[in-house]
Protein backbone atom coordinates (compact mmCIF):
# COMPACT_ATOMS: atom_id res chain seq x y z
CA MET A 1 -33.99 61.32 11.06
CA ARG A 2 -30.37 62.13 11.38
CA ILE A 3 -28.49 59.85 13.60
CA LEU A 4 -24.77 60.24 14.29
CA ILE A 5 -23.10 57.36 15.40
CA LEU A 6 -19.61 57.26 17.41
CA ALA A 7 -17.51 54.43 16.72
CA GLN A 8 -13.89 53.65 18.25
CA ASP A 9 -13.73 50.27 16.13
CA TYR A 10 -13.85 50.81 12.85
CA LYS A 11 -12.41 49.90 9.28
CA PRO A 12 -9.48 49.65 8.84
CA MET A 13 -9.83 47.68 12.26
CA VAL A 14 -10.49 44.20 11.85
CA GLY A 15 -13.15 42.76 14.51
CA GLY A 16 -16.92 41.91 15.41
CA ILE A 17 -17.51 45.71 16.74
CA ALA A 18 -15.83 47.50 13.53
CA THR A 19 -17.96 44.66 11.18
CA ALA A 20 -21.18 45.62 12.92
CA THR A 21 -20.50 49.25 12.83
CA HIS A 22 -19.92 49.57 9.53
CA GLU A 23 -23.04 46.87 8.24
CA LEU A 24 -25.33 48.96 10.69
CA CYS A 25 -24.38 52.29 8.84
CA ALA A 26 -24.89 50.92 5.53
CA SER A 27 -28.35 49.48 6.71
CA LEU A 28 -29.47 52.23 8.32
CA SER A 29 -28.40 54.61 5.30
CA ARG A 30 -30.73 52.72 2.83
CA LEU A 31 -33.73 53.40 4.85
CA ASP A 32 -35.95 56.11 3.59
CA GLY A 33 -35.75 59.51 5.50
CA VAL A 34 -32.39 58.10 7.20
CA SER A 35 -29.40 60.20 7.54
CA VAL A 36 -26.27 59.13 9.00
CA LYS A 37 -23.07 59.97 9.75
CA LEU A 38 -20.03 58.22 11.42
CA MET A 39 -17.61 59.62 13.49
CA ALA A 40 -14.14 57.11 13.57
CA PRO A 41 -10.83 57.08 14.44
CA PHE A 42 -8.15 58.29 12.02
CA PHE A 43 -5.80 55.92 10.72
CA PRO A 44 -2.60 56.82 8.39
CA GLY A 45 -4.05 56.54 4.71
CA THR A 46 -7.42 57.24 5.52
CA GLU A 47 -9.19 60.31 4.52
CA THR A 48 -10.38 63.21 6.97
CA GLU A 49 -13.95 62.94 5.23
CA THR A 50 -15.52 60.58 3.22
CA TRP A 51 -18.81 59.48 1.78
CA VAL A 52 -19.29 55.23 1.64
CA GLU A 53 -21.89 54.45 -0.86
CA THR A 54 -24.23 51.59 0.06
CA GLY A 55 -26.95 52.21 -2.76
CA SER A 56 -27.45 50.13 -5.67
CA GLY A 57 -29.12 50.44 -9.30
CA SER A 58 -30.72 53.89 -9.79
CA ARG A 59 -31.36 54.71 -5.83
CA ARG A 60 -28.16 56.22 -4.45
CA SER A 61 -27.72 55.87 -0.62
CA GLY A 62 -24.85 55.88 1.75
CA PHE A 63 -23.20 57.35 4.63
CA LYS A 64 -20.58 60.22 5.59
CA VAL A 65 -17.43 59.08 7.81
CA ARG A 66 -15.72 61.75 9.57
CA ARG A 67 -12.31 60.83 10.84
CA VAL A 68 -10.89 62.49 14.09
CA SER A 69 -7.51 61.80 15.95
CA VAL A 70 -8.73 60.11 18.92
CA LEU A 71 -7.13 56.70 18.80
CA GLY A 72 -6.83 54.78 22.53
CA ALA A 73 -9.10 54.65 25.18
CA SER A 74 -7.15 56.90 27.66
CA PHE A 75 -8.68 59.69 29.32
CA TRP A 76 -6.90 62.06 26.79
CA SER A 77 -9.00 60.68 24.02
CA ILE A 78 -12.22 61.14 25.78
CA LEU A 79 -11.47 64.66 25.82
CA LYS A 80 -10.56 64.77 22.33
CA TRP A 81 -13.71 63.00 21.35
CA THR A 82 -15.73 65.28 23.38
CA PHE A 83 -14.11 68.56 21.46
CA TYR A 84 -14.77 66.98 17.99
CA LEU A 85 -18.17 65.83 18.90
CA ARG A 86 -19.21 69.19 20.20
CA SER A 87 -18.12 70.64 16.87
CA GLU A 88 -19.82 67.70 14.89
CA ILE A 89 -23.37 68.56 16.71
CA SER A 90 -23.26 71.74 15.22
CA VAL A 91 -22.59 71.09 11.66
CA PHE A 92 -24.67 67.86 11.57
CA GLN A 93 -27.32 68.75 13.98
CA PRO A 94 -28.19 65.23 14.79
CA ASP A 95 -31.63 64.22 16.29
CA VAL A 96 -29.95 61.39 17.99
CA ILE A 97 -26.45 59.73 18.94
CA LEU A 98 -25.67 56.13 18.46
CA ASN A 99 -22.51 54.98 20.66
CA THR A 100 -20.92 51.76 19.79
CA LEU A 101 -18.83 51.63 22.75
CA TRP A 102 -19.71 52.85 26.48
CA MET A 103 -15.77 53.80 26.71
CA PRO A 104 -14.94 55.99 25.31
CA CYS A 105 -17.84 57.15 22.78
CA ALA A 106 -20.76 57.15 25.75
CA VAL A 107 -18.67 59.14 27.88
CA ALA A 108 -17.89 61.83 25.47
CA ALA A 109 -21.51 61.80 24.15
CA PHE A 110 -22.38 62.35 27.88
CA MET A 111 -20.45 65.34 28.15
CA SER A 112 -21.61 67.15 24.58
CA ALA A 113 -25.06 65.80 23.77
CA GLY A 114 -27.04 68.35 25.88
CA LYS A 115 -30.87 67.56 25.04
CA ILE A 116 -30.06 65.37 22.14
CA PRO A 117 -31.06 61.78 23.18
CA VAL A 118 -28.13 59.41 23.35
CA PHE A 119 -28.40 55.93 22.73
CA THR A 120 -25.49 53.11 23.49
CA VAL A 121 -24.83 49.71 22.06
CA VAL A 122 -23.76 47.11 24.38
CA HIS A 123 -22.07 43.97 22.96
CA GLY A 124 -20.86 42.18 26.17
CA VAL A 125 -17.59 42.02 27.84
CA GLU A 126 -17.05 45.76 27.77
CA ILE A 127 -19.40 46.08 30.50
CA LEU A 128 -17.50 44.13 32.93
CA GLU A 129 -14.92 44.98 34.90
CA SER A 130 -11.22 43.58 35.91
CA ASN A 131 -8.09 43.63 38.09
CA ARG A 132 -6.25 42.05 35.58
CA THR A 133 -4.02 44.89 34.15
CA PHE A 134 -3.29 48.58 35.15
CA LYS A 135 -5.31 49.70 32.48
CA LYS A 136 -8.47 47.51 33.65
CA ARG A 137 -8.13 48.87 36.89
CA VAL A 138 -8.58 52.32 36.23
CA ARG A 139 -11.38 51.40 34.13
CA ALA A 140 -12.59 49.64 37.07
CA LEU A 141 -12.83 53.06 38.96
CA LEU A 142 -14.84 54.40 36.85
CA SER A 143 -17.63 51.80 37.59
CA PHE A 144 -19.81 54.37 39.37
CA PHE A 145 -19.42 56.65 36.43
CA LYS A 146 -20.40 54.17 34.18
CA LYS A 147 -23.59 53.35 36.08
CA TRP A 148 -24.20 57.19 35.88
CA ILE A 149 -23.59 57.24 32.41
CA PHE A 150 -25.75 54.44 31.28
CA ARG A 151 -28.62 55.95 33.36
CA THR A 152 -28.81 59.29 31.34
CA ASN A 153 -29.14 57.17 27.80
CA ALA A 154 -32.61 57.22 26.43
CA ALA A 155 -32.12 53.47 26.07
CA VAL A 156 -29.62 50.92 25.77
CA PHE A 157 -29.37 48.32 22.84
CA ALA A 158 -27.73 45.04 23.79
CA VAL A 159 -26.67 42.32 21.32
CA SER A 160 -28.17 39.35 23.23
CA GLU A 161 -30.65 38.71 25.92
CA PHE A 162 -27.74 37.39 27.91
CA THR A 163 -26.09 40.86 27.45
CA ALA A 164 -29.18 42.60 28.26
CA ARG A 165 -29.29 40.76 31.53
CA LEU A 166 -25.53 41.94 32.11
CA VAL A 167 -26.43 45.42 31.35
CA VAL A 168 -29.16 45.36 34.02
CA GLU A 169 -27.13 43.70 36.73
CA LYS A 170 -23.99 45.84 36.30
CA THR A 171 -25.36 49.44 35.69
CA GLY A 172 -28.80 49.25 37.27
CA ILE A 173 -31.04 50.78 35.01
CA PRO A 174 -34.48 49.55 34.60
CA SER A 175 -34.79 46.47 31.95
CA ASN A 176 -37.35 48.07 30.00
CA ARG A 177 -34.97 50.68 28.85
CA VAL A 178 -32.80 47.88 27.53
CA LYS A 179 -33.72 46.69 24.07
CA VAL A 180 -32.22 43.24 22.50
CA ILE A 181 -31.32 44.00 19.09
CA TYR A 182 -29.32 41.20 17.58
CA ASN A 183 -26.18 41.68 15.55
CA GLY A 184 -26.71 40.74 11.56
CA VAL A 185 -25.24 39.21 8.80
CA ASP A 186 -24.84 39.97 5.01
CA SER A 187 -26.98 36.97 3.71
CA GLN A 188 -26.57 37.86 -0.07
CA ARG A 189 -22.64 37.94 0.57
CA PHE A 190 -22.44 35.03 2.81
CA HIS A 191 -24.33 32.10 1.27
CA PRO A 192 -23.84 28.33 0.47
CA LYS A 193 -21.88 27.49 -2.59
CA SER A 194 -19.77 24.43 -3.87
CA ALA A 195 -16.43 24.01 -1.62
CA ASP A 196 -13.62 25.45 -3.61
CA LYS A 197 -11.84 22.03 -4.75
CA ALA A 198 -8.37 23.93 -5.15
CA LEU A 199 -8.94 25.22 -1.38
CA ARG A 200 -9.53 21.77 -0.01
CA GLU A 201 -6.53 20.35 -1.87
CA LYS A 202 -4.40 22.97 -0.37
CA TYR A 203 -5.27 22.31 3.34
CA GLY A 204 -5.31 18.32 2.09
CA VAL A 205 -8.86 17.78 3.24
CA GLN A 206 -10.36 16.60 -0.20
CA ASP A 207 -12.28 13.89 0.89
CA GLY A 208 -12.23 14.65 4.66
CA PHE A 209 -15.26 15.18 7.05
CA VAL A 210 -14.23 19.15 8.01
CA PHE A 211 -14.89 21.04 11.14
CA LEU A 212 -13.89 24.77 11.33
CA THR A 213 -12.95 27.41 13.60
CA LEU A 214 -12.30 31.01 12.53
CA SER A 215 -11.75 33.21 15.42
CA ARG A 216 -9.10 35.23 17.07
CA LEU A 217 -6.67 32.62 19.06
CA GLU A 218 -7.32 33.49 22.51
CA ASP A 219 -7.42 30.70 25.75
CA TYR A 220 -11.14 31.27 26.64
CA LYS A 221 -12.35 30.20 22.33
CA GLY A 222 -12.40 26.79 23.35
CA VAL A 223 -9.91 25.38 20.74
CA ASP A 224 -8.03 23.49 23.45
CA ARG A 225 -11.35 21.49 23.92
CA PHE A 226 -12.11 20.59 20.56
CA ILE A 227 -8.21 19.49 20.02
CA GLU A 228 -8.47 17.49 22.90
CA SER A 229 -11.68 15.92 21.57
CA MET A 230 -10.26 15.25 18.45
CA GLN A 231 -8.29 12.48 19.63
CA THR A 232 -11.44 10.24 20.23
CA ILE A 233 -13.14 11.75 16.98
CA HIS A 234 -10.18 10.69 14.94
CA PHE A 235 -9.57 7.34 16.12
CA ALA A 236 -13.29 6.62 15.26
CA HIS A 237 -13.49 8.49 12.35
CA PRO A 238 -9.91 8.95 10.49
CA GLU A 239 -11.57 11.29 7.86
CA ALA A 240 -12.20 13.89 10.64
CA VAL A 241 -10.18 17.00 10.03
CA TYR A 242 -9.97 20.26 12.31
CA LEU A 243 -9.00 23.57 10.41
CA VAL A 244 -8.01 26.64 12.67
CA ALA A 245 -8.48 29.69 10.94
CA GLY A 246 -6.82 32.83 12.58
CA SER A 247 -4.10 34.03 14.79
CA GLY A 248 -3.52 35.37 18.27
CA PRO A 249 -1.76 34.90 22.01
CA ASP A 250 -3.15 31.23 22.47
CA LEU A 251 -1.20 29.84 19.24
CA ALA A 252 1.70 28.39 20.67
CA ARG A 253 0.08 26.62 23.31
CA LEU A 254 -2.32 25.16 20.93
CA GLU A 255 0.38 23.89 18.67
CA ALA A 256 1.99 22.15 21.69
CA LEU A 257 -1.54 20.50 22.35
CA ARG A 258 -1.42 19.27 18.70
CA VAL A 259 1.84 17.73 19.22
CA GLN A 260 1.19 16.46 22.82
CA PHE A 261 -2.17 14.58 21.32
CA ASN A 262 -0.02 13.44 17.89
CA LEU A 263 -2.63 15.28 15.92
CA HIS A 264 -0.42 16.47 13.16
CA SER A 265 -2.41 15.51 10.09
CA HIS A 266 -5.80 15.59 11.89
CA VAL A 267 -5.72 19.53 12.97
CA ARG A 268 -4.32 22.13 10.87
CA PHE A 269 -3.52 25.78 11.48
CA ILE A 270 -4.29 27.58 8.51
CA GLY A 271 -3.56 31.13 9.75
CA PRO A 272 -5.56 34.34 9.17
CA VAL A 273 -7.98 34.51 6.39
CA PRO A 274 -8.31 37.67 4.26
CA GLU A 275 -11.67 39.22 4.45
CA GLN A 276 -12.42 38.51 0.77
CA ASP A 277 -12.14 34.73 1.09
CA LEU A 278 -14.12 34.17 4.14
CA ILE A 279 -16.86 32.94 2.47
CA GLU A 280 -14.79 30.36 0.58
CA ILE A 281 -13.10 29.35 3.94
CA PHE A 282 -16.92 28.69 5.87
CA ASN A 283 -17.99 26.59 2.42
CA ILE A 284 -15.07 24.13 2.78
CA CYS A 285 -16.08 23.44 6.13
CA ASP A 286 -19.05 20.66 7.07
CA VAL A 287 -19.63 21.99 10.75
CA PHE A 288 -18.66 24.94 12.44
CA VAL A 289 -17.15 24.91 15.94
CA LEU A 290 -17.35 27.73 18.58
CA LEU A 291 -16.72 26.66 22.08
CA SER A 292 -16.23 29.84 23.76
CA ARG A 293 -16.24 29.98 27.76
CA ASP A 294 -17.48 32.20 30.18
CA ASP A 295 -14.40 33.64 31.62
CA ARG A 296 -15.76 36.40 34.33
CA VAL A 297 -12.08 36.86 35.79
CA THR A 298 -10.39 38.46 32.34
CA PRO A 299 -13.38 39.17 31.18
CA ASN A 300 -13.90 37.24 27.88
CA PHE A 301 -17.02 35.55 26.57
CA GLU A 302 -19.25 35.89 23.52
CA GLY A 303 -21.88 38.56 23.44
CA LEU A 304 -23.43 36.87 20.42
CA GLY A 305 -21.06 35.73 18.07
CA ILE A 306 -21.29 37.41 14.47
CA VAL A 307 -19.14 34.56 12.99
CA LEU A 308 -21.81 32.26 13.74
CA LEU A 309 -24.09 34.15 11.81
CA GLU A 310 -21.60 34.14 9.08
CA ALA A 311 -21.29 30.38 9.34
CA GLY A 312 -25.02 29.71 9.41
CA ALA A 313 -25.74 32.04 6.44
CA CYS A 314 -23.66 29.69 4.28
CA GLY A 315 -25.46 27.00 5.58
CA LYS A 316 -23.28 25.51 8.11
CA PRO A 317 -24.47 23.63 11.10
CA ALA A 318 -22.31 24.72 14.29
CA ILE A 319 -21.24 23.01 17.29
CA VAL A 320 -21.19 26.23 20.27
CA GLY A 321 -20.92 26.02 23.87
CA ASN A 322 -24.08 26.83 26.22
CA SER A 323 -22.02 30.00 27.11
CA GLY A 324 -22.92 33.79 26.53
CA GLY A 325 -25.42 34.58 23.47
CA MET A 326 -24.24 31.76 21.10
CA PRO A 327 -27.39 29.56 22.38
CA GLU A 328 -29.40 32.31 21.14
CA VAL A 329 -27.99 31.84 17.77
CA VAL A 330 -27.54 28.21 17.31
CA LEU A 331 -30.95 26.30 18.84
CA ASP A 332 -29.78 22.94 19.87
CA ARG A 333 -30.34 20.05 17.13
CA LYS A 334 -32.34 22.50 15.18
CA THR A 335 -29.32 24.50 13.70
CA GLY A 336 -26.66 22.89 15.20
CA TRP A 337 -25.36 21.70 18.70
CA VAL A 338 -24.97 23.16 22.07
CA VAL A 339 -23.20 21.76 24.69
CA SER A 340 -21.03 22.43 27.80
CA PRO A 341 -17.41 23.98 26.19
CA GLU A 342 -15.50 22.16 28.96
CA ASN A 343 -17.14 18.63 28.65
CA CYS A 344 -15.24 16.67 25.57
CA ASP A 345 -17.56 13.82 26.16
CA GLU A 346 -20.48 16.42 24.96
CA ILE A 347 -18.31 17.56 22.40
CA VAL A 348 -17.40 14.02 20.98
CA ALA A 349 -21.03 13.14 21.21
CA ALA A 350 -22.09 16.20 18.74
CA ALA A 351 -19.08 15.56 16.48
CA PHE A 352 -20.04 11.71 15.90
CA GLU A 353 -23.85 12.70 15.37
CA ALA A 354 -22.62 15.13 12.84
CA ILE A 355 -20.35 12.75 10.90
CA ARG A 356 -22.68 9.78 11.16
CA ASP A 357 -25.76 11.42 9.66
CA ARG A 358 -24.45 13.37 7.17
CA GLU A 359 -27.90 14.06 5.96
CA GLN A 360 -29.26 15.04 8.96
CA THR A 361 -26.59 17.55 9.33
CA GLU A 362 -27.27 19.03 5.87
CA VAL A 363 -30.72 19.67 7.02
CA LEU A 364 -29.27 21.47 10.15
CA GLY A 365 -27.25 23.95 7.78
CA ARG A 366 -30.38 24.50 5.65
CA ALA A 367 -32.54 25.44 8.83
CA ALA A 368 -29.00 27.20 10.22
CA ARG A 369 -29.46 29.34 7.10
CA GLU A 370 -33.31 29.72 7.03
CA ARG A 371 -33.00 31.09 10.58
CA VAL A 372 -30.36 33.59 9.77
CA GLN A 373 -32.30 35.25 6.99
CA ASP A 374 -35.33 35.24 8.95
CA ARG A 375 -33.95 36.56 12.69
CA PHE A 376 -30.23 38.08 11.82
CA THR A 377 -30.23 40.51 8.64
CA TRP A 378 -28.65 43.74 8.99
CA GLU A 379 -32.08 45.01 7.29
CA ARG A 380 -33.99 43.84 10.33
CA VAL A 381 -31.53 45.51 12.57
CA ALA A 382 -31.87 48.82 11.02
CA GLU A 383 -35.35 48.63 10.96
CA ASP A 384 -35.29 47.80 14.78
CA VAL A 385 -33.00 50.60 15.55
CA VAL A 386 -34.78 53.05 13.75
CA LYS A 387 -38.37 51.96 15.23
CA GLU A 388 -36.77 52.24 18.75
CA LEU A 389 -35.31 55.79 17.90
CA LYS A 390 -38.68 56.84 16.85
CA ILE A 391 -40.30 55.83 19.79
CA HIS A 392 -38.04 57.86 22.25
CA LEU A 393 -38.20 61.30 19.72
CA ARG A 394 -42.19 60.78 19.82
CA GLY A 395 -41.97 60.50 23.62
């Protein structure tokens, strides 16, 4: 089976979709009888054609990447995607086309694929319209076109049950053509290990109980609610420390909240974390925190939350908001705690439970890793994708 994958977000870009695209390509390429080629934007310093090695030992596997000049999501970029895609179809002759975003990738595939079956991955927020910016208002005008495009897809792959319901609601396609295929995580790379003492000393948490959020800092992420909750948490447990890793437009407001609540020594902003240091950061915490809210105005929410999979793979239980796809990853009081992301009383209660019963917190962390290994590996994602593609090719 020859699979041509279109990706607007790919390395060297950072973020969940870029990471998921790379891991999906790598996992698919390791399957017998599958050939993968990825089309992605050209960036200065990247090569036009490259081979990405994914095999190990004596078995050689990998996938080709073709870089094309299609940065941006303007109408002009759609035309360029269409031009390059038609050229690639004639060369690669794919059996299927898989889009990692509907705009601009699925639009280009709609105009280029002919009789080749087309599939689109939906992560969540990109399926909604908004009037917040001019660009989003223009996209909202394409709502009917979006529905038309999705209805011509052989199937849509949603990254969570939550996202699947949104797809049906916003596009009107039958629910039996929307398949839930969760994102995954590399559980060999992300794994439990002893906390780096030097790193704990660097952040001043040698003997503390560490809560961690690692995320782009935006107003819907819920960091503000955990900072507010830290007033009560640290009063009862002075050893509690909240590390916030990442950067983003909400940083200044969050720093002001720390000053307002006099939490200088209990809330620490540690900045962006390099990719190679992620596993060390996860392993210095006791509990991961992601309290994202469901903001339908902007819109913003967690379609699933790959960072939760990474934390779980490292054996860390999580406190998460009961919004988006997060409760599908974290099971309440089985692999963490699910709370209302706006309710500080619920957040504080979960934090107290984590601190006061350390043994049970470790049990939840081990269960989180077991769940990730059982349900959220990239190997399983690739197998599920190929299974669905074969069903449609046979049909």
